[in-house]
Amino acid sequence: MPRPVLTQEDQRRGRRLGASLQRRRGTTSGAQVANQAGISIDALRKLEEGKTPTPGFFQIARIAAVLHVSLDDLLGDATDGNSKQ
């Protein structure tokens, strides 16, 4: 089954999510977050750069747990750009 074409809003949402993850990571190294989340540093970089507009739920859930942030907050960041930090 072919993957659906992403809309511009889907792409913007992916970039906002990536920016939120990077901002929330702060001074913690990407390698440390990736390692604790059980993903590759390359996967984390792609997420933070907004190059993965449709990331896997469990991947995001693991990163959220490492960053001590709720999935609701990440969703808010991605959908309307407002952060609840």
PDB file of N, CA and C in Angstrom:
ATOM      1  N   MET A   1       0.845  -1.171   0.000  1.00  0.00           N
ATOM      2  CA  MET A   1       0.000   0.000   0.000  1.00  0.00           C
ATOM      3  C   MET A   1       0.898   1.245   0.000  1.00  0.00           C
ATOM      4  N   PRO A   2       0.700   2.133  -0.955  1.00  0.00           N
ATOM      5  CA  PRO A   2       1.543   3.335  -1.007  1.00  0.00           C
ATOM      6  C   PRO A   2       1.251   4.278   0.150  1.00  0.00           C
ATOM      7  N   ARG A   3       2.289   4.951   0.562  1.00  0.00           N
ATOM      8  CA  ARG A   3       2.171   5.919   1.646  1.00  0.00           C
ATOM      9  C   ARG A   3       1.448   7.164   1.138  1.00  0.00           C
ATOM     10  N   PRO A   4       0.522   7.716   1.933  1.00  0.00           N
ATOM     11  CA  PRO A   4      -0.186   8.918   1.469  1.00  0.00           C
ATOM     12  C   PRO A   4       0.766  10.110   1.368  1.00  0.00           C
ATOM     13  N   VAL A   5       0.469  10.969   0.428  1.00  0.00           N
ATOM     14  CA  VAL A   5       1.265  12.172   0.249  1.00  0.00           C
ATOM     15  C   VAL A   5       1.013  13.105   1.433  1.00  0.00           C
ATOM     16  N   LEU A   6       2.083  13.644   1.982  1.00  0.00           N
ATOM     17  CA  LEU A   6       1.952  14.533   3.127  1.00  0.00           C
ATOM     18  C   LEU A   6       1.564  15.928   2.672  1.00  0.00           C
ATOM     19  N   THR A   7       0.651  16.514   3.389  1.00  0.00           N
ATOM     20  CA  THR A   7       0.255  17.889   3.099  1.00  0.00           C
ATOM     21  C   THR A   7       1.306  18.842   3.646  1.00  0.00           C
ATOM     22  N   GLN A   8       1.215  20.098   3.260  1.00  0.00           N
ATOM     23  CA  GLN A   8       2.131  21.091   3.811  1.00  0.00           C
ATOM     24  C   GLN A   8       1.960  21.194   5.322  1.00  0.00           C
ATOM     25  N   GLU A   9       0.728  21.070   5.797  1.00  0.00           N
ATOM     26  CA  GLU A   9       0.499  21.123   7.252  1.00  0.00           C
ATOM     27  C   GLU A   9       1.153  19.930   7.943  1.00  0.00           C
ATOM     28  N   ASP A  10       1.095  18.748   7.337  1.00  0.00           N
ATOM     29  CA  ASP A  10       1.775  17.580   7.898  1.00  0.00           C
ATOM     30  C   ASP A  10       3.273  17.855   8.029  1.00  0.00           C
ATOM     31  N   GLN A  11       3.836  18.454   7.008  1.00  0.00           N
ATOM     32  CA  GLN A  11       5.262  18.767   7.015  1.00  0.00           C
ATOM     33  C   GLN A  11       5.595  19.807   8.074  1.00  0.00           C
ATOM     34  N   ARG A  12       4.750  20.823   8.211  1.00  0.00           N
ATOM     35  CA  ARG A  12       4.969  21.839   9.244  1.00  0.00           C
ATOM     36  C   ARG A  12       4.880  21.218  10.637  1.00  0.00           C
ATOM     37  N   ARG A  13       3.923  20.319  10.827  1.00  0.00           N
ATOM     38  CA  ARG A  13       3.758  19.645  12.116  1.00  0.00           C
ATOM     39  C   ARG A  13       5.010  18.845  12.458  1.00  0.00           C
ATOM     40  N   GLY A  14       5.586  18.170  11.472  1.00  0.00           N
ATOM     41  CA  GLY A  14       6.819  17.412  11.687  1.00  0.00           C
ATOM     42  C   GLY A  14       7.972  18.321  12.084  1.00  0.00           C
ATOM     43  N   ARG A  15       8.070  19.487  11.453  1.00  0.00           N
ATOM     44  CA  ARG A  15       9.136  20.436  11.804  1.00  0.00           C
ATOM     45  C   ARG A  15       8.926  21.007  13.206  1.00  0.00           C
ATOM     46  N   ARG A  16       7.659  21.291  13.561  1.00  0.00           N
ATOM     47  CA  ARG A  16       7.392  21.818  14.907  1.00  0.00           C
ATOM     48  C   ARG A  16       7.710  20.771  15.971  1.00  0.00           C
ATOM     49  N   LEU A  17       7.363  19.518  15.694  1.00  0.00           N
ATOM     50  CA  LEU A  17       7.682  18.446  16.640  1.00  0.00           C
ATOM     51  C   LEU A  17       9.194  18.330  16.809  1.00  0.00           C
ATOM     52  N   GLY A  18       9.914  18.356  15.710  1.00  0.00           N
ATOM     53  CA  GLY A  18      11.370  18.264  15.770  1.00  0.00           C
ATOM     54  C   GLY A  18      11.985  19.400  16.564  1.00  0.00           C
ATOM     55  N   ALA A  19      11.502  20.611  16.335  1.00  0.00           N
ATOM     56  CA  ALA A  19      12.020  21.771  17.069  1.00  0.00           C
ATOM     57  C   ALA A  19      11.717  21.639  18.557  1.00  0.00           C
ATOM     58  N   SER A  20      10.541  21.122  18.875  1.00  0.00           N
ATOM     59  CA  SER A  20      10.169  20.930  20.277  1.00  0.00           C
ATOM     60  C   SER A  20      11.086  19.911  20.949  1.00  0.00           C
ATOM     61  N   LEU A  21      11.354  18.805  20.270  1.00  0.00           N
ATOM     62  CA  LEU A  21      12.233  17.784  20.840  1.00  0.00           C
ATOM     63  C   LEU A  21      13.630  18.347  21.079  1.00  0.00           C
ATOM     64  N   GLN A  22      14.123  19.095  20.112  1.00  0.00           N
ATOM     65  CA  GLN A  22      15.464  19.667  20.250  1.00  0.00           C
ATOM     66  C   GLN A  22      15.515  20.681  21.395  1.00  0.00           C
ATOM     67  N   ARG A  23      14.492  21.519  21.468  1.00  0.00           N
ATOM     68  CA  ARG A  23      14.437  22.527  22.540  1.00  0.00           C
ATOM     69  C   ARG A  23      14.344  21.851  23.902  1.00  0.00           C
ATOM     70  N   ARG A  24      13.514  20.851  24.023  1.00  0.00           N
ATOM     71  CA  ARG A  24      13.319  20.167  25.298  1.00  0.00           C
ATOM     72  C   ARG A  24      14.542  19.340  25.701  1.00  0.00           C
ATOM     73  N   ARG A  25      15.333  18.910  24.727  1.00  0.00           N
ATOM     74  CA  ARG A  25      16.562  18.166  25.015  1.00  0.00           C
ATOM     75  C   ARG A  25      17.572  19.082  25.696  1.00  0.00           C
ATOM     76  N   GLY A  26      17.540  20.364  25.353  1.00  0.00           N
ATOM     77  CA  GLY A  26      18.427  21.335  25.986  1.00  0.00           C
ATOM     78  C   GLY A  26      19.885  21.008  25.777  1.00  0.00           C
ATOM     79  N   THR A  27      20.628  20.973  26.875  1.00  0.00           N
ATOM     80  CA  THR A  27      22.067  20.732  26.788  1.00  0.00           C
ATOM     81  C   THR A  27      22.438  19.251  26.859  1.00  0.00           C
ATOM     82  N   THR A  28      21.443  18.392  27.021  1.00  0.00           N
ATOM     83  CA  THR A  28      21.706  16.948  27.026  1.00  0.00           C
ATOM     84  C   THR A  28      22.109  16.543  25.614  1.00  0.00           C
ATOM     85  N   SER A  29      23.131  15.736  25.493  1.00  0.00           N
ATOM     86  CA  SER A  29      23.605  15.364  24.158  1.00  0.00           C
ATOM     87  C   SER A  29      22.570  14.498  23.430  1.00  0.00           C
ATOM     88  N   GLY A  30      22.552  14.660  22.128  1.00  0.00           N
ATOM     89  CA  GLY A  30      21.669  13.840  21.311  1.00  0.00           C
ATOM     90  C   GLY A  30      22.002  12.371  21.447  1.00  0.00           C
ATOM     91  N   ALA A  31      23.291  12.070  21.549  1.00  0.00           N
ATOM     92  CA  ALA A  31      23.711  10.673  21.691  1.00  0.00           C
ATOM     93  C   ALA A  31      23.160  10.066  22.980  1.00  0.00           C
ATOM     94  N   GLN A  32      23.164  10.856  24.049  1.00  0.00           N
ATOM     95  CA  GLN A  32      22.658  10.358  25.326  1.00  0.00           C
ATOM     96  C   GLN A  32      21.150  10.102  25.246  1.00  0.00           C
ATOM     97  N   VAL A  33      20.406  11.040  24.674  1.00  0.00           N
ATOM     98  CA  VAL A  33      18.953  10.860  24.548  1.00  0.00           C
ATOM     99  C   VAL A  33      18.644   9.670  23.652  1.00  0.00           C
ATOM    100  N   ALA A  34      19.327   9.587  22.515  1.00  0.00           N
ATOM    101  CA  ALA A  34      19.091   8.484  21.586  1.00  0.00           C
ATOM    102  C   ALA A  34      19.379   7.143  22.262  1.00  0.00           C
ATOM    103  N   ASN A  35      20.498   7.064  22.959  1.00  0.00           N
ATOM    104  CA  ASN A  35      20.871   5.828  23.638  1.00  0.00           C
ATOM    105  C   ASN A  35      19.820   5.424  24.671  1.00  0.00           C
ATOM    106  N   GLN A  36      19.404   6.374  25.490  1.00  0.00           N
ATOM    107  CA  GLN A  36      18.407   6.067  26.525  1.00  0.00           C
ATOM    108  C   GLN A  36      17.051   5.702  25.922  1.00  0.00           C
ATOM    109  N   ALA A  37      16.733   6.269  24.755  1.00  0.00           N
ATOM    110  CA  ALA A  37      15.454   5.977  24.099  1.00  0.00           C
ATOM    111  C   ALA A  37      15.517   4.713  23.243  1.00  0.00           C
ATOM    112  N   GLY A  38      16.723   4.188  23.060  1.00  0.00           N
ATOM    113  CA  GLY A  38      16.862   2.964  22.266  1.00  0.00           C
ATOM    114  C   GLY A  38      16.731   3.198  20.770  1.00  0.00           C
ATOM    115  N   ILE A  39      17.131   4.382  20.314  1.00  0.00           N
ATOM    116  CA  ILE A  39      17.094   4.681  18.884  1.00  0.00           C
ATOM    117  C   ILE A  39      18.485   5.154  18.457  1.00  0.00           C
ATOM    118  N   SER A  40      18.688   5.226  17.161  1.00  0.00           N
ATOM    119  CA  SER A  40      19.990   5.694  16.682  1.00  0.00           C
ATOM    120  C   SER A  40      20.055   7.220  16.766  1.00  0.00           C
ATOM    121  N   ILE A  41      21.270   7.730  16.865  1.00  0.00           N
ATOM    122  CA  ILE A  41      21.462   9.176  16.870  1.00  0.00           C
ATOM    123  C   ILE A  41      20.973   9.756  15.542  1.00  0.00           C
ATOM    124  N   ASP A  42      21.140   9.016  14.456  1.00  0.00           N
ATOM    125  CA  ASP A  42      20.679   9.474  13.153  1.00  0.00           C
ATOM    126  C   ASP A  42      19.156   9.631  13.143  1.00  0.00           C
ATOM    127  N   ALA A  43      18.455   8.690  13.754  1.00  0.00           N
ATOM    128  CA  ALA A  43      16.994   8.785  13.825  1.00  0.00           C
ATOM    129  C   ALA A  43      16.574  10.015  14.625  1.00  0.00           C
ATOM    130  N   LEU A  44      17.267  10.272  15.738  1.00  0.00           N
ATOM    131  CA  LEU A  44      16.949  11.450  16.550  1.00  0.00           C
ATOM    132  C   LEU A  44      17.230  12.726  15.774  1.00  0.00           C
ATOM    133  N   ARG A  45      18.349  12.779  15.085  1.00  0.00           N
ATOM    134  CA  ARG A  45      18.676  13.972  14.280  1.00  0.00           C
ATOM    135  C   ARG A  45      17.607  14.237  13.232  1.00  0.00           C
ATOM    136  N   LYS A  46      17.177  13.188  12.546  1.00  0.00           N
ATOM    137  CA  LYS A  46      16.145  13.347  11.512  1.00  0.00           C
ATOM    138  C   LYS A  46      14.849  13.867  12.124  1.00  0.00           C
ATOM    139  N   LEU A  47      14.504  13.372  13.290  1.00  0.00           N
ATOM    140  CA  LEU A  47      13.309  13.860  13.973  1.00  0.00           C
ATOM    141  C   LEU A  47      13.458  15.335  14.322  1.00  0.00           C
ATOM    142  N   GLU A  48      14.588  15.690  14.918  1.00  0.00           N
ATOM    143  CA  GLU A  48      14.808  17.065  15.358  1.00  0.00           C
ATOM    144  C   GLU A  48      14.896  18.041  14.180  1.00  0.00           C
ATOM    145  N   GLU A  49      15.344  17.568  13.050  1.00  0.00           N
ATOM    146  CA  GLU A  49      15.440  18.420  11.863  1.00  0.00           C
ATOM    147  C   GLU A  49      14.132  18.472  11.078  1.00  0.00           C
ATOM    148  N   GLY A  50      13.123  17.744  11.555  1.00  0.00           N
ATOM    149  CA  GLY A  50      11.833  17.740  10.877  1.00  0.00           C
ATOM    150  C   GLY A  50      11.828  16.932   9.598  1.00  0.00           C
ATOM    151  N   LYS A  51      12.769  16.044   9.451  1.00  0.00           N
ATOM    152  CA  LYS A  51      12.862  15.224   8.244  1.00  0.00           C
ATOM    153  C   LYS A  51      12.078  13.920   8.366  1.00  0.00           C
ATOM    154  N   THR A  52      11.428  13.738   9.504  1.00  0.00           N
ATOM    155  CA  THR A  52      10.577  12.561   9.720  1.00  0.00           C
ATOM    156  C   THR A  52       9.202  13.073  10.116  1.00  0.00           C
ATOM    157  N   PRO A  53       8.404  13.507   9.144  1.00  0.00           N
ATOM    158  CA  PRO A  53       7.126  14.132   9.470  1.00  0.00           C
ATOM    159  C   PRO A  53       6.082  13.177  10.043  1.00  0.00           C
ATOM    160  N   THR A  54       6.282  11.878   9.879  1.00  0.00           N
ATOM    161  CA  THR A  54       5.346  10.914  10.448  1.00  0.00           C
ATOM    162  C   THR A  54       6.109   9.867  11.255  1.00  0.00           C
ATOM    163  N   PRO A  55       6.666  10.284  12.386  1.00  0.00           N
ATOM    164  CA  PRO A  55       7.453   9.346  13.201  1.00  0.00           C
ATOM    165  C   PRO A  55       6.562   8.307  13.869  1.00  0.00           C
ATOM    166  N   GLY A  56       7.180   7.211  14.241  1.00  0.00           N
ATOM    167  CA  GLY A  56       6.456   6.154  14.926  1.00  0.00           C
ATOM    168  C   GLY A  56       6.060   6.566  16.336  1.00  0.00           C
ATOM    169  N   PHE A  57       4.879   6.170  16.740  1.00  0.00           N
ATOM    170  CA  PHE A  57       4.354   6.522  18.057  1.00  0.00           C
ATOM    171  C   PHE A  57       5.287   6.062  19.180  1.00  0.00           C
ATOM    172  N   PHE A  58       5.710   4.809  19.138  1.00  0.00           N
ATOM    173  CA  PHE A  58       6.501   4.269  20.236  1.00  0.00           C
ATOM    174  C   PHE A  58       7.887   4.912  20.291  1.00  0.00           C
ATOM    175  N   GLN A  59       8.402   5.304  19.144  1.00  0.00           N
ATOM    176  CA  GLN A  59       9.679   6.016  19.113  1.00  0.00           C
ATOM    177  C   GLN A  59       9.535   7.355  19.845  1.00  0.00           C
ATOM    178  N   ILE A  60       8.486   8.087  19.541  1.00  0.00           N
ATOM    179  CA  ILE A  60       8.241   9.379  20.194  1.00  0.00           C
ATOM    180  C   ILE A  60       7.952   9.174  21.678  1.00  0.00           C
ATOM    181  N   ALA A  61       7.218   8.124  22.015  1.00  0.00           N
ATOM    182  CA  ALA A  61       6.910   7.853  23.424  1.00  0.00           C
ATOM    183  C   ALA A  61       8.181   7.586  24.223  1.00  0.00           C
ATOM    184  N   ARG A  62       9.135   6.849  23.636  1.00  0.00           N
ATOM    185  CA  ARG A  62      10.394   6.578  24.339  1.00  0.00           C
ATOM    186  C   ARG A  62      11.209   7.851  24.521  1.00  0.00           C
ATOM    187  N   ILE A  63      11.246   8.692  23.493  1.00  0.00           N
ATOM    188  CA  ILE A  63      11.978   9.960  23.605  1.00  0.00           C
ATOM    189  C   ILE A  63      11.310  10.847  24.655  1.00  0.00           C
ATOM    190  N   ALA A  64       9.991  10.912  24.639  1.00  0.00           N
ATOM    191  CA  ALA A  64       9.258  11.720  25.617  1.00  0.00           C
ATOM    192  C   ALA A  64       9.575  11.260  27.036  1.00  0.00           C
ATOM    193  N   ALA A  65       9.638   9.966  27.245  1.00  0.00           N
ATOM    194  CA  ALA A  65       9.955   9.440  28.583  1.00  0.00           C
ATOM    195  C   ALA A  65      11.360   9.858  29.015  1.00  0.00           C
ATOM    196  N   VAL A  66      12.312   9.794  28.103  1.00  0.00           N
ATOM    197  CA  VAL A  66      13.681  10.197  28.420  1.00  0.00           C
ATOM    198  C   VAL A  66      13.736  11.682  28.766  1.00  0.00           C
ATOM    199  N   LEU A  67      12.966  12.493  28.041  1.00  0.00           N
ATOM    200  CA  LEU A  67      12.969  13.941  28.256  1.00  0.00           C
ATOM    201  C   LEU A  67      12.032  14.376  29.386  1.00  0.00           C
ATOM    202  N   HIS A  68      11.303  13.428  29.953  1.00  0.00           N
ATOM    203  CA  HIS A  68      10.347  13.710  31.035  1.00  0.00           C
ATOM    204  C   HIS A  68       9.299  14.734  30.584  1.00  0.00           C
ATOM    205  N   VAL A  69       8.735  14.486  29.418  1.00  0.00           N
ATOM    206  CA  VAL A  69       7.701  15.352  28.871  1.00  0.00           C
ATOM    207  C   VAL A  69       6.509  14.480  28.471  1.00  0.00           C
ATOM    208  N   SER A  70       5.318  15.017  28.626  1.00  0.00           N
ATOM    209  CA  SER A  70       4.131  14.221  28.278  1.00  0.00           C
ATOM    210  C   SER A  70       3.902  14.237  26.771  1.00  0.00           C
ATOM    211  N   LEU A  71       3.277  13.190  26.303  1.00  0.00           N
ATOM    212  CA  LEU A  71       2.912  13.135  24.891  1.00  0.00           C
ATOM    213  C   LEU A  71       1.908  14.235  24.548  1.00  0.00           C
ATOM    214  N   ASP A  72       1.055  14.586  25.501  1.00  0.00           N
ATOM    215  CA  ASP A  72       0.102  15.684  25.280  1.00  0.00           C
ATOM    216  C   ASP A  72       0.829  16.994  25.014  1.00  0.00           C
ATOM    217  N   ASP A  73       1.894  17.255  25.768  1.00  0.00           N
ATOM    218  CA  ASP A  73       2.658  18.481  25.550  1.00  0.00           C
ATOM    219  C   ASP A  73       3.326  18.474  24.175  1.00  0.00           C
ATOM    220  N   LEU A  74       3.886  17.342  23.782  1.00  0.00           N
ATOM    221  CA  LEU A  74       4.504  17.250  22.460  1.00  0.00           C
ATOM    222  C   LEU A  74       3.466  17.430  21.359  1.00  0.00           C
ATOM    223  N   LEU A  75       2.295  16.857  21.560  1.00  0.00           N
ATOM    224  CA  LEU A  75       1.226  17.029  20.578  1.00  0.00           C
ATOM    225  C   LEU A  75       0.842  18.490  20.458  1.00  0.00           C
ATOM    226  N   GLY A  76       0.733  19.165  21.593  1.00  0.00           N
ATOM    227  CA  GLY A  76       0.412  20.596  21.572  1.00  0.00           C
ATOM    228  C   GLY A  76       1.477  21.383  20.833  1.00  0.00           C
ATOM    229  N   ASP A  77       2.731  21.052  21.080  1.00  0.00           N
ATOM    230  CA  ASP A  77       3.824  21.734  20.398  1.00  0.00           C
ATOM    231  C   ASP A  77       3.742  21.527  18.898  1.00  0.00           C
ATOM    232  N   ALA A  78       3.432  20.307  18.489  1.00  0.00           N
ATOM    233  CA  ALA A  78       3.421  19.973  17.065  1.00  0.00           C
ATOM    234  C   ALA A  78       2.199  20.531  16.337  1.00  0.00           C
ATOM    235  N   THR A  79       1.083  20.624  17.031  1.00  0.00           N
ATOM    236  CA  THR A  79      -0.133  21.018  16.321  1.00  0.00           C
ATOM    237  C   THR A  79      -0.381  22.507  16.304  1.00  0.00           C
ATOM    238  N   ASP A  80       0.025  23.224  17.355  1.00  0.00           N
ATOM    239  CA  ASP A  80      -0.247  24.654  17.333  1.00  0.00           C
ATOM    240  C   ASP A  80       0.956  25.523  17.656  1.00  0.00           C
ATOM    241  N   GLY A  81       2.085  24.871  17.893  1.00  0.00           N
ATOM    242  CA  GLY A  81       3.304  25.616  18.162  1.00  0.00           C
ATOM    243  C   GLY A  81       3.398  26.164  19.565  1.00  0.00           C
ATOM    244  N   ASN A  82       2.411  25.925  20.412  1.00  0.00           N
ATOM    245  CA  ASN A  82       2.457  26.419  21.791  1.00  0.00           C
ATOM    246  C   ASN A  82       3.054  25.353  22.691  1.00  0.00           C
ATOM    247  N   SER A  83       4.010  25.739  23.460  1.00  0.00           N
ATOM    248  CA  SER A  83       4.667  24.833  24.398  1.00  0.00           C
ATOM    249  C   SER A  83       4.131  25.049  25.795  1.00  0.00           C
ATOM    250  N   LYS A  84       4.006  23.970  26.556  1.00  0.00           N
ATOM    251  CA  LYS A  84       3.526  24.051  27.941  1.00  0.00           C
ATOM    252  C   LYS A  84       4.669  23.723  28.898  1.00  0.00           C
ATOM    253  N   GLN A  85       5.870  24.136  28.590  1.00  0.00           N
ATOM    254  CA  GLN A  85       7.014  23.793  29.425  1.00  0.00           C
ATOM    255  C   GLN A  85       6.898  24.361  30.799  1.00  0.00           C
TER     256      GLN A  85
END
